[in-house]
N, C-alpha and C. Protein backbone atom coordinates (compact mmCIF):
# COMPACT_ATOMS: atom_id res chain seq x y z
N MET A 1 39.29 -3.10 -45.42
CA MET A 1 38.35 -2.95 -46.52
C MET A 1 38.66 -1.66 -47.28
N VAL A 2 38.66 -1.73 -48.59
CA VAL A 2 38.90 -0.59 -49.45
C VAL A 2 37.60 0.18 -49.61
N ASN A 3 37.69 1.50 -49.53
CA ASN A 3 36.50 2.34 -49.73
C ASN A 3 36.23 2.45 -51.22
N ARG A 4 35.14 1.85 -51.69
CA ARG A 4 34.81 1.82 -53.11
C ARG A 4 33.48 2.52 -53.35
N ARG A 5 33.30 2.97 -54.57
CA ARG A 5 31.98 3.44 -54.96
C ARG A 5 31.05 2.24 -55.04
N PRO A 6 29.77 2.45 -54.72
CA PRO A 6 28.82 1.33 -54.72
C PRO A 6 28.29 0.97 -56.11
N THR A 7 28.65 1.76 -57.13
CA THR A 7 28.26 1.43 -58.50
C THR A 7 29.39 1.79 -59.44
N ARG A 8 29.30 1.22 -60.63
CA ARG A 8 30.19 1.61 -61.73
C ARG A 8 29.48 1.27 -63.03
N LEU A 9 29.97 1.84 -64.12
CA LEU A 9 29.42 1.57 -65.44
C LEU A 9 29.53 0.07 -65.73
N VAL A 10 28.45 -0.51 -66.23
CA VAL A 10 28.46 -1.92 -66.62
C VAL A 10 29.42 -2.09 -67.80
N SER A 11 29.99 -3.27 -67.94
CA SER A 11 30.86 -3.56 -69.08
C SER A 11 30.55 -4.96 -69.61
N ILE A 12 31.03 -5.22 -70.80
CA ILE A 12 30.86 -6.55 -71.39
C ILE A 12 31.50 -7.61 -70.50
N ASP A 13 32.53 -7.25 -69.75
CA ASP A 13 33.18 -8.20 -68.84
C ASP A 13 32.24 -8.66 -67.72
N ASP A 14 31.13 -7.94 -67.49
CA ASP A 14 30.17 -8.29 -66.44
C ASP A 14 29.13 -9.31 -66.89
N VAL A 15 29.11 -9.65 -68.16
CA VAL A 15 28.05 -10.48 -68.72
C VAL A 15 27.92 -11.83 -67.99
N THR A 16 29.02 -12.51 -67.77
CA THR A 16 28.97 -13.84 -67.15
C THR A 16 28.41 -13.77 -65.73
N ILE A 17 28.89 -12.83 -64.93
CA ILE A 17 28.40 -12.72 -63.55
C ILE A 17 26.94 -12.31 -63.53
N LEU A 18 26.53 -11.40 -64.42
CA LEU A 18 25.12 -10.98 -64.46
C LEU A 18 24.22 -12.14 -64.87
N ALA A 19 24.64 -12.90 -65.86
CA ALA A 19 23.83 -14.06 -66.27
C ALA A 19 23.71 -15.05 -65.11
N GLY A 20 24.79 -15.26 -64.38
CA GLY A 20 24.75 -16.16 -63.23
C GLY A 20 23.82 -15.66 -62.14
N LEU A 21 23.93 -14.37 -61.83
CA LEU A 21 23.06 -13.79 -60.80
C LEU A 21 21.60 -13.87 -61.21
N LEU A 22 21.32 -13.55 -62.47
CA LEU A 22 19.93 -13.59 -62.94
C LEU A 22 19.39 -15.01 -62.93
N GLY A 23 20.21 -15.98 -63.28
CA GLY A 23 19.78 -17.37 -63.25
C GLY A 23 19.46 -17.84 -61.84
N ILE A 24 20.34 -17.53 -60.90
CA ILE A 24 20.13 -17.91 -59.50
C ILE A 24 18.91 -17.20 -58.92
N ASN A 25 18.67 -15.95 -59.33
CA ASN A 25 17.62 -15.12 -58.75
C ASN A 25 16.36 -15.04 -59.61
N ARG A 26 16.26 -15.93 -60.59
CA ARG A 26 15.13 -15.86 -61.53
C ARG A 26 13.77 -15.89 -60.82
N ALA A 27 13.56 -16.83 -59.93
CA ALA A 27 12.27 -16.93 -59.22
C ALA A 27 12.09 -15.74 -58.28
N PHE A 28 13.15 -15.31 -57.62
CA PHE A 28 13.08 -14.18 -56.70
C PHE A 28 12.68 -12.89 -57.42
N LEU A 29 13.22 -12.65 -58.61
CA LEU A 29 12.96 -11.42 -59.35
C LEU A 29 11.66 -11.47 -60.16
N ALA A 30 11.15 -12.66 -60.46
CA ALA A 30 9.99 -12.82 -61.34
C ALA A 30 8.78 -11.97 -60.96
N PRO A 31 8.41 -11.81 -59.70
CA PRO A 31 7.23 -11.00 -59.38
C PRO A 31 7.40 -9.51 -59.66
N TRP A 32 8.63 -9.06 -59.88
CA TRP A 32 8.93 -7.63 -60.02
C TRP A 32 9.36 -7.25 -61.44
N GLU A 33 9.46 -8.22 -62.32
CA GLU A 33 10.03 -8.01 -63.65
C GLU A 33 9.04 -8.41 -64.75
N PRO A 34 9.27 -7.90 -65.97
CA PRO A 34 8.50 -8.43 -67.11
C PRO A 34 8.81 -9.92 -67.29
N VAL A 35 7.92 -10.64 -67.93
CA VAL A 35 8.20 -12.04 -68.25
C VAL A 35 9.37 -12.06 -69.24
N ARG A 36 10.35 -12.86 -68.95
CA ARG A 36 11.56 -12.94 -69.78
C ARG A 36 11.64 -14.33 -70.41
N ASP A 37 12.15 -14.37 -71.67
CA ASP A 37 12.36 -15.69 -72.26
C ASP A 37 13.64 -16.29 -71.69
N ASP A 38 13.83 -17.58 -71.89
CA ASP A 38 14.96 -18.29 -71.31
C ASP A 38 16.30 -17.71 -71.74
N ASP A 39 16.38 -17.20 -72.97
CA ASP A 39 17.64 -16.66 -73.48
C ASP A 39 18.14 -15.48 -72.65
N TYR A 40 17.23 -14.71 -72.08
CA TYR A 40 17.60 -13.53 -71.28
C TYR A 40 18.56 -13.92 -70.15
N PHE A 41 18.44 -15.11 -69.61
CA PHE A 41 19.19 -15.55 -68.45
C PHE A 41 20.51 -16.22 -68.82
N THR A 42 20.86 -16.22 -70.10
CA THR A 42 22.10 -16.84 -70.55
C THR A 42 23.19 -15.79 -70.75
N VAL A 43 24.41 -16.24 -70.88
CA VAL A 43 25.52 -15.34 -71.15
C VAL A 43 25.28 -14.60 -72.46
N ASP A 44 24.87 -15.32 -73.51
CA ASP A 44 24.60 -14.65 -74.80
C ASP A 44 23.47 -13.64 -74.68
N GLY A 45 22.43 -14.00 -73.93
CA GLY A 45 21.32 -13.07 -73.73
C GLY A 45 21.75 -11.82 -73.00
N GLN A 46 22.55 -11.98 -71.97
CA GLN A 46 23.02 -10.82 -71.23
C GLN A 46 24.03 -10.00 -72.04
N ARG A 47 24.79 -10.66 -72.89
CA ARG A 47 25.70 -9.92 -73.77
C ARG A 47 24.89 -8.98 -74.67
N THR A 48 23.77 -9.48 -75.20
CA THR A 48 22.89 -8.66 -76.04
C THR A 48 22.31 -7.50 -75.23
N VAL A 49 21.84 -7.78 -74.02
CA VAL A 49 21.26 -6.75 -73.15
C VAL A 49 22.29 -5.67 -72.82
N ILE A 50 23.49 -6.08 -72.45
CA ILE A 50 24.53 -5.13 -72.04
C ILE A 50 25.02 -4.32 -73.24
N ARG A 51 25.19 -4.96 -74.38
CA ARG A 51 25.58 -4.20 -75.58
C ARG A 51 24.54 -3.14 -75.93
N ALA A 52 23.27 -3.51 -75.85
CA ALA A 52 22.20 -2.54 -76.14
C ALA A 52 22.23 -1.39 -75.13
N ALA A 53 22.43 -1.72 -73.87
CA ALA A 53 22.50 -0.68 -72.84
C ALA A 53 23.69 0.25 -73.06
N LEU A 54 24.83 -0.31 -73.43
CA LEU A 54 26.01 0.52 -73.69
C LEU A 54 25.84 1.37 -74.95
N ASP A 55 25.13 0.86 -75.95
CA ASP A 55 24.80 1.67 -77.13
C ASP A 55 23.94 2.86 -76.74
N GLU A 56 22.93 2.61 -75.88
CA GLU A 56 22.06 3.70 -75.38
C GLU A 56 22.88 4.69 -74.55
N TYR A 57 23.81 4.20 -73.77
CA TYR A 57 24.70 5.06 -72.99
C TYR A 57 25.51 5.98 -73.91
N GLU A 58 26.05 5.41 -74.98
CA GLU A 58 26.83 6.21 -75.93
C GLU A 58 25.99 7.32 -76.56
N ARG A 59 24.68 7.08 -76.71
CA ARG A 59 23.78 8.09 -77.27
C ARG A 59 23.28 9.05 -76.20
N GLY A 60 23.66 8.83 -74.95
CA GLY A 60 23.23 9.71 -73.86
C GLY A 60 21.82 9.44 -73.37
N ALA A 61 21.24 8.28 -73.73
CA ALA A 61 19.85 7.98 -73.38
C ALA A 61 19.71 7.18 -72.09
N CYS A 62 20.79 6.59 -71.60
CA CYS A 62 20.72 5.85 -70.33
C CYS A 62 22.10 5.79 -69.70
N LEU A 63 22.12 5.41 -68.43
CA LEU A 63 23.36 5.23 -67.71
C LEU A 63 23.27 3.90 -66.97
N PRO A 64 23.79 2.82 -67.59
CA PRO A 64 23.68 1.48 -66.99
C PRO A 64 24.86 1.18 -66.06
N HIS A 65 24.56 0.98 -64.79
CA HIS A 65 25.59 0.66 -63.81
C HIS A 65 25.32 -0.70 -63.20
N VAL A 66 26.36 -1.28 -62.62
CA VAL A 66 26.21 -2.45 -61.78
C VAL A 66 26.30 -1.98 -60.33
N ILE A 67 25.66 -2.74 -59.44
CA ILE A 67 25.74 -2.50 -58.00
C ILE A 67 26.83 -3.41 -57.45
N LEU A 68 27.69 -2.84 -56.62
CA LEU A 68 28.83 -3.57 -56.07
C LEU A 68 28.66 -3.74 -54.56
N ASP A 69 29.11 -4.88 -54.04
CA ASP A 69 29.11 -5.06 -52.59
C ASP A 69 30.39 -4.44 -52.02
N GLU A 70 30.61 -4.62 -50.73
CA GLU A 70 31.76 -3.99 -50.07
C GLU A 70 33.10 -4.48 -50.62
N SER A 71 33.12 -5.68 -51.18
CA SER A 71 34.37 -6.21 -51.72
C SER A 71 34.56 -5.90 -53.20
N GLY A 72 33.57 -5.21 -53.79
CA GLY A 72 33.66 -4.86 -55.20
C GLY A 72 33.04 -5.87 -56.14
N GLN A 73 32.37 -6.89 -55.60
CA GLN A 73 31.71 -7.90 -56.43
C GLN A 73 30.36 -7.38 -56.94
N VAL A 74 30.04 -7.71 -58.18
CA VAL A 74 28.76 -7.34 -58.78
C VAL A 74 27.64 -8.14 -58.11
N VAL A 75 26.61 -7.42 -57.62
CA VAL A 75 25.48 -8.07 -56.95
C VAL A 75 24.13 -7.63 -57.52
N GLY A 76 24.14 -6.77 -58.53
CA GLY A 76 22.89 -6.30 -59.13
C GLY A 76 23.15 -5.22 -60.15
N ARG A 77 22.05 -4.58 -60.57
CA ARG A 77 22.14 -3.49 -61.56
C ARG A 77 21.28 -2.33 -61.11
N ILE A 78 21.69 -1.13 -61.52
CA ILE A 78 20.91 0.09 -61.35
C ILE A 78 21.13 0.92 -62.61
N THR A 79 20.05 1.43 -63.18
CA THR A 79 20.16 2.13 -64.46
C THR A 79 19.29 3.37 -64.47
N LEU A 80 19.86 4.45 -64.98
CA LEU A 80 19.07 5.64 -65.32
C LEU A 80 18.60 5.42 -66.75
N ASN A 81 17.29 5.35 -66.93
CA ASN A 81 16.68 5.08 -68.23
C ASN A 81 15.98 6.32 -68.76
N GLY A 82 15.80 6.37 -70.06
CA GLY A 82 14.98 7.42 -70.67
C GLY A 82 15.46 8.82 -70.35
N ILE A 83 16.76 9.05 -70.41
CA ILE A 83 17.28 10.39 -70.13
C ILE A 83 16.78 11.34 -71.21
N VAL A 84 16.10 12.38 -70.75
CA VAL A 84 15.55 13.40 -71.65
C VAL A 84 16.19 14.73 -71.31
N ARG A 85 16.67 15.42 -72.31
CA ARG A 85 17.32 16.73 -72.13
C ARG A 85 16.31 17.84 -72.42
N GLY A 86 16.79 19.01 -72.82
CA GLY A 86 15.90 20.13 -73.09
C GLY A 86 15.29 20.65 -71.80
N PRO A 87 14.06 21.13 -71.85
CA PRO A 87 13.47 21.71 -70.65
C PRO A 87 13.11 20.68 -69.58
N LEU A 88 13.06 19.38 -69.91
CA LEU A 88 12.67 18.37 -68.93
C LEU A 88 13.84 17.95 -68.02
N GLN A 89 15.00 17.67 -68.59
CA GLN A 89 16.19 17.24 -67.82
C GLN A 89 15.84 16.16 -66.80
N SER A 90 15.31 15.05 -67.29
CA SER A 90 14.75 14.03 -66.41
C SER A 90 15.13 12.64 -66.88
N CYS A 91 14.90 11.67 -66.00
CA CYS A 91 15.12 10.26 -66.32
C CYS A 91 14.31 9.43 -65.33
N SER A 92 14.32 8.12 -65.53
CA SER A 92 13.77 7.22 -64.52
C SER A 92 14.88 6.29 -64.06
N VAL A 93 14.70 5.71 -62.90
CA VAL A 93 15.69 4.79 -62.36
C VAL A 93 15.04 3.44 -62.09
N GLY A 94 15.78 2.40 -62.38
CA GLY A 94 15.35 1.04 -62.07
C GLY A 94 16.51 0.27 -61.49
N PHE A 95 16.21 -0.70 -60.63
CA PHE A 95 17.29 -1.46 -60.01
C PHE A 95 16.80 -2.85 -59.63
N TRP A 96 17.77 -3.77 -59.52
CA TRP A 96 17.53 -5.08 -58.94
C TRP A 96 18.78 -5.52 -58.20
N LEU A 97 18.58 -6.36 -57.21
CA LEU A 97 19.68 -6.84 -56.38
C LEU A 97 19.44 -8.32 -56.10
N SER A 98 20.52 -9.08 -56.02
CA SER A 98 20.38 -10.51 -55.73
C SER A 98 19.73 -10.71 -54.36
N GLU A 99 18.95 -11.77 -54.25
CA GLU A 99 18.24 -12.05 -53.01
C GLU A 99 19.19 -12.17 -51.82
N ALA A 100 20.33 -12.80 -52.03
CA ALA A 100 21.29 -13.01 -50.94
C ALA A 100 21.86 -11.70 -50.41
N ASP A 101 21.79 -10.64 -51.18
CA ASP A 101 22.37 -9.36 -50.77
C ASP A 101 21.33 -8.34 -50.34
N ASN A 102 20.06 -8.72 -50.31
CA ASN A 102 19.00 -7.83 -49.83
C ASN A 102 19.19 -7.54 -48.34
N GLY A 103 18.75 -6.35 -47.94
CA GLY A 103 18.76 -5.98 -46.52
C GLY A 103 20.08 -5.52 -45.99
N ARG A 104 21.05 -5.28 -46.86
CA ARG A 104 22.39 -4.86 -46.43
C ARG A 104 22.67 -3.40 -46.73
N GLY A 105 21.67 -2.67 -47.28
CA GLY A 105 21.87 -1.26 -47.60
C GLY A 105 22.56 -1.01 -48.92
N LEU A 106 22.78 -2.06 -49.71
CA LEU A 106 23.51 -1.90 -50.97
C LEU A 106 22.71 -1.12 -52.00
N VAL A 107 21.39 -1.34 -52.09
CA VAL A 107 20.58 -0.59 -53.04
C VAL A 107 20.50 0.87 -52.63
N SER A 108 20.35 1.15 -51.34
CA SER A 108 20.32 2.54 -50.88
C SER A 108 21.61 3.26 -51.24
N ALA A 109 22.74 2.61 -51.01
CA ALA A 109 24.03 3.22 -51.35
C ALA A 109 24.15 3.42 -52.86
N ALA A 110 23.70 2.43 -53.64
CA ALA A 110 23.76 2.55 -55.10
C ALA A 110 22.86 3.67 -55.58
N LEU A 111 21.67 3.79 -55.00
CA LEU A 111 20.75 4.85 -55.40
C LEU A 111 21.33 6.22 -55.07
N ARG A 112 21.92 6.39 -53.90
CA ARG A 112 22.57 7.67 -53.56
C ARG A 112 23.66 7.99 -54.57
N ASP A 113 24.45 6.98 -54.94
CA ASP A 113 25.54 7.20 -55.89
C ASP A 113 25.02 7.60 -57.26
N ILE A 114 24.00 6.90 -57.75
CA ILE A 114 23.48 7.20 -59.09
C ILE A 114 22.75 8.53 -59.10
N MET A 115 22.13 8.92 -57.96
CA MET A 115 21.52 10.25 -57.86
C MET A 115 22.58 11.34 -57.96
N ARG A 116 23.71 11.13 -57.29
CA ARG A 116 24.80 12.10 -57.37
C ARG A 116 25.26 12.26 -58.82
N VAL A 117 25.43 11.14 -59.50
CA VAL A 117 25.85 11.19 -60.90
C VAL A 117 24.80 11.93 -61.74
N ALA A 118 23.52 11.60 -61.54
CA ALA A 118 22.45 12.22 -62.32
C ALA A 118 22.41 13.73 -62.11
N PHE A 119 22.50 14.16 -60.87
CA PHE A 119 22.35 15.58 -60.57
C PHE A 119 23.64 16.38 -60.76
N GLU A 120 24.74 15.85 -60.31
CA GLU A 120 25.99 16.61 -60.37
C GLU A 120 26.72 16.44 -61.70
N ASP A 121 26.84 15.21 -62.17
CA ASP A 121 27.61 14.97 -63.39
C ASP A 121 26.79 15.18 -64.66
N LEU A 122 25.56 14.69 -64.67
CA LEU A 122 24.71 14.82 -65.86
C LEU A 122 23.91 16.12 -65.86
N GLY A 123 23.78 16.78 -64.73
CA GLY A 123 23.03 18.03 -64.67
C GLY A 123 21.53 17.86 -64.82
N LEU A 124 21.00 16.68 -64.48
CA LEU A 124 19.57 16.46 -64.57
C LEU A 124 18.84 17.16 -63.43
N HIS A 125 17.55 17.39 -63.61
CA HIS A 125 16.72 18.08 -62.63
C HIS A 125 15.85 17.12 -61.84
N ARG A 126 15.48 15.98 -62.44
CA ARG A 126 14.47 15.11 -61.85
C ARG A 126 14.77 13.66 -62.16
N ILE A 127 14.52 12.79 -61.17
CA ILE A 127 14.58 11.35 -61.38
C ILE A 127 13.24 10.78 -60.94
N GLN A 128 12.67 9.95 -61.78
CA GLN A 128 11.40 9.29 -61.48
C GLN A 128 11.66 7.82 -61.21
N ALA A 129 10.82 7.23 -60.37
CA ALA A 129 10.87 5.79 -60.11
C ALA A 129 9.44 5.30 -59.95
N GLU A 130 9.23 4.04 -60.27
CA GLU A 130 7.91 3.43 -60.17
C GLU A 130 8.05 2.13 -59.42
N THR A 131 7.06 1.83 -58.55
CA THR A 131 7.06 0.54 -57.87
C THR A 131 5.66 -0.06 -57.93
N LEU A 132 5.62 -1.37 -57.91
CA LEU A 132 4.35 -2.05 -57.74
C LEU A 132 3.77 -1.65 -56.38
N LEU A 133 2.46 -1.69 -56.27
CA LEU A 133 1.80 -1.26 -55.04
C LEU A 133 2.30 -2.02 -53.81
N HIS A 134 2.60 -3.30 -53.97
CA HIS A 134 3.01 -4.13 -52.84
C HIS A 134 4.53 -4.23 -52.66
N ASN A 135 5.30 -3.45 -53.42
CA ASN A 135 6.76 -3.50 -53.31
C ASN A 135 7.23 -2.50 -52.24
N VAL A 136 6.90 -2.82 -51.00
CA VAL A 136 7.18 -1.93 -49.88
C VAL A 136 8.68 -1.73 -49.69
N ALA A 137 9.48 -2.76 -49.91
CA ALA A 137 10.93 -2.64 -49.71
C ALA A 137 11.52 -1.57 -50.65
N SER A 138 11.15 -1.60 -51.92
CA SER A 138 11.67 -0.59 -52.85
C SER A 138 11.13 0.80 -52.52
N GLN A 139 9.88 0.87 -52.08
CA GLN A 139 9.30 2.15 -51.69
C GLN A 139 10.09 2.76 -50.54
N ARG A 140 10.47 1.93 -49.58
CA ARG A 140 11.26 2.43 -48.44
C ARG A 140 12.63 2.92 -48.88
N VAL A 141 13.26 2.19 -49.79
CA VAL A 141 14.57 2.61 -50.31
C VAL A 141 14.43 3.98 -50.98
N LEU A 142 13.42 4.14 -51.81
CA LEU A 142 13.21 5.41 -52.49
C LEU A 142 12.96 6.54 -51.49
N GLU A 143 12.07 6.32 -50.54
CA GLU A 143 11.73 7.36 -49.57
C GLU A 143 12.94 7.73 -48.70
N ARG A 144 13.76 6.75 -48.32
CA ARG A 144 14.97 7.03 -47.54
C ARG A 144 15.95 7.90 -48.32
N ASN A 145 15.85 7.87 -49.63
CA ASN A 145 16.75 8.66 -50.48
C ASN A 145 16.09 9.93 -51.01
N GLY A 146 15.00 10.36 -50.39
CA GLY A 146 14.40 11.64 -50.72
C GLY A 146 13.34 11.63 -51.79
N PHE A 147 13.00 10.47 -52.34
CA PHE A 147 11.94 10.38 -53.33
C PHE A 147 10.59 10.58 -52.63
N VAL A 148 9.67 11.26 -53.30
CA VAL A 148 8.33 11.46 -52.77
C VAL A 148 7.32 10.87 -53.75
N ARG A 149 6.23 10.34 -53.20
CA ARG A 149 5.14 9.82 -54.03
C ARG A 149 4.42 10.99 -54.67
N PHE A 150 4.09 10.82 -55.94
CA PHE A 150 3.33 11.89 -56.57
C PHE A 150 2.13 11.39 -57.36
N GLY A 151 1.91 10.10 -57.38
CA GLY A 151 0.74 9.62 -58.10
C GLY A 151 0.68 8.12 -58.23
N LEU A 152 -0.39 7.71 -58.86
CA LEU A 152 -0.63 6.30 -59.15
C LEU A 152 -0.88 6.17 -60.64
N ALA A 153 -0.20 5.25 -61.28
CA ALA A 153 -0.37 5.00 -62.71
C ALA A 153 -1.06 3.65 -62.89
N PRO A 154 -2.34 3.67 -63.27
CA PRO A 154 -3.07 2.41 -63.47
C PRO A 154 -2.51 1.63 -64.66
N ALA A 155 -2.40 0.33 -64.50
CA ALA A 155 -1.95 -0.57 -65.57
C ALA A 155 -0.71 -0.02 -66.28
N TYR A 156 0.27 0.41 -65.50
CA TYR A 156 1.42 1.14 -66.02
C TYR A 156 2.42 0.26 -66.78
N LEU A 157 2.77 -0.89 -66.19
CA LEU A 157 3.74 -1.78 -66.83
C LEU A 157 3.24 -3.22 -66.77
N ASN A 158 3.66 -4.00 -67.77
CA ASN A 158 3.33 -5.42 -67.78
C ASN A 158 4.42 -6.15 -67.01
N ILE A 159 4.10 -6.50 -65.78
CA ILE A 159 5.03 -7.14 -64.86
C ILE A 159 4.46 -8.51 -64.49
N ALA A 160 5.30 -9.53 -64.52
CA ALA A 160 4.90 -10.90 -64.18
C ALA A 160 3.69 -11.33 -65.01
N GLY A 161 3.62 -10.85 -66.25
CA GLY A 161 2.57 -11.27 -67.17
C GLY A 161 1.25 -10.54 -67.03
N GLN A 162 1.19 -9.49 -66.22
CA GLN A 162 -0.05 -8.73 -66.05
C GLN A 162 0.24 -7.23 -66.08
N TRP A 163 -0.71 -6.47 -66.63
CA TRP A 163 -0.63 -5.02 -66.55
C TRP A 163 -0.93 -4.63 -65.12
N GLN A 164 0.02 -3.98 -64.47
CA GLN A 164 -0.12 -3.70 -63.05
C GLN A 164 0.03 -2.21 -62.74
N ASP A 165 -0.73 -1.79 -61.72
CA ASP A 165 -0.66 -0.41 -61.24
C ASP A 165 0.70 -0.18 -60.57
N HIS A 166 1.16 1.05 -60.67
CA HIS A 166 2.44 1.43 -60.04
C HIS A 166 2.28 2.75 -59.29
N ILE A 167 2.95 2.84 -58.15
CA ILE A 167 3.07 4.10 -57.44
C ILE A 167 4.23 4.86 -58.07
N MET A 168 4.02 6.14 -58.34
CA MET A 168 5.03 6.98 -58.98
C MET A 168 5.76 7.80 -57.90
N PHE A 169 7.07 7.85 -58.02
CA PHE A 169 7.93 8.61 -57.11
C PHE A 169 8.80 9.54 -57.94
N GLN A 170 9.28 10.61 -57.31
CA GLN A 170 10.25 11.47 -57.96
C GLN A 170 11.12 12.14 -56.90
N VAL A 171 12.28 12.56 -57.34
CA VAL A 171 13.15 13.40 -56.53
C VAL A 171 13.70 14.46 -57.46
N LEU A 172 13.77 15.68 -56.93
CA LEU A 172 14.30 16.81 -57.69
C LEU A 172 15.67 17.18 -57.15
N THR A 173 16.50 17.71 -58.01
CA THR A 173 17.84 18.09 -57.59
C THR A 173 17.79 19.22 -56.58
N THR A 174 18.75 19.21 -55.70
CA THR A 174 18.98 20.35 -54.81
C THR A 174 20.24 21.07 -55.24
N VAL A 175 20.86 20.57 -56.32
CA VAL A 175 22.09 21.17 -56.85
C VAL A 175 21.69 22.25 -57.83
N PRO A 176 22.07 23.52 -57.57
CA PRO A 176 21.70 24.57 -58.52
C PRO A 176 22.41 24.36 -59.85
N THR A 177 21.69 24.65 -60.91
CA THR A 177 22.28 24.54 -62.24
C THR A 177 22.00 25.81 -63.01
N ASP A 178 23.00 26.26 -63.73
CA ASP A 178 22.82 27.45 -64.56
C ASP A 178 22.73 27.06 -66.03
N GLN A 179 22.53 25.74 -66.28
CA GLN A 179 22.45 25.24 -67.64
C GLN A 179 21.16 24.44 -67.82
N PRO A 180 20.01 25.12 -67.98
CA PRO A 180 18.77 24.36 -68.13
C PRO A 180 18.74 23.50 -69.38
N ASP A 181 19.53 23.82 -70.37
CA ASP A 181 19.60 23.01 -71.59
C ASP A 181 20.97 22.35 -71.67
N ALA A 182 21.29 21.56 -70.67
CA ALA A 182 22.59 20.91 -70.62
C ALA A 182 22.86 20.15 -71.91
N ASP A 183 24.12 20.08 -72.26
CA ASP A 183 24.55 19.41 -73.48
C ASP A 183 24.15 17.95 -73.45
N PRO A 184 23.32 17.48 -74.42
CA PRO A 184 22.90 16.09 -74.41
C PRO A 184 24.05 15.11 -74.60
N ALA A 185 25.16 15.60 -75.13
CA ALA A 185 26.31 14.72 -75.36
C ALA A 185 27.25 14.70 -74.16
N ARG A 186 26.91 15.48 -73.13
CA ARG A 186 27.76 15.57 -71.95
C ARG A 186 27.90 14.19 -71.31
N PRO A 187 29.11 13.66 -71.26
CA PRO A 187 29.28 12.31 -70.72
C PRO A 187 29.16 12.29 -69.20
N ALA A 188 28.76 11.17 -68.69
CA ALA A 188 28.69 10.98 -67.25
C ALA A 188 30.03 10.46 -66.77
N ARG A 189 30.44 10.88 -65.60
CA ARG A 189 31.59 10.25 -64.95
C ARG A 189 31.03 9.03 -64.26
N SER A 190 31.61 7.89 -64.54
CA SER A 190 31.04 6.67 -63.94
C SER A 190 32.09 5.88 -63.21
């Protein structure tokens, strides 16, 4: 087995596999996601989603990665969203993984990798994550990776067609930085 990174920058070449994974996992992901129209699950829909994510990446506002299994196959996505520079130096993280690949430690490995990129390569200070109250599996992944609960946000996101409460988590960098106003154009190594 080749030692690979558990994530990499998403590309347009990933559109077909992502559309396939989302189609197969539509019912599995539905309780954790916003209501999506049918087009979202198509190759054209995912092409639009990935192009938009890569445009945001070029502006320094997000870092969209795919999650890879041990053989290098795409099995999900993990993204740093809402990257804010200046005195905040923060972002949020979101992820999903195919049902067949749950329980194998792939999300934990992907989260560790994206945290390293956020703190070491991007020079961010804080990563936030939110989970539904009953999403114990994601809460455990976050806590295993050093995230701590810091609050509850009532009716925070519209998930599965309802405004739902979310538990808020965060992790702060342990990497010292001497650049509190890191260059917003500073590219990430992905």
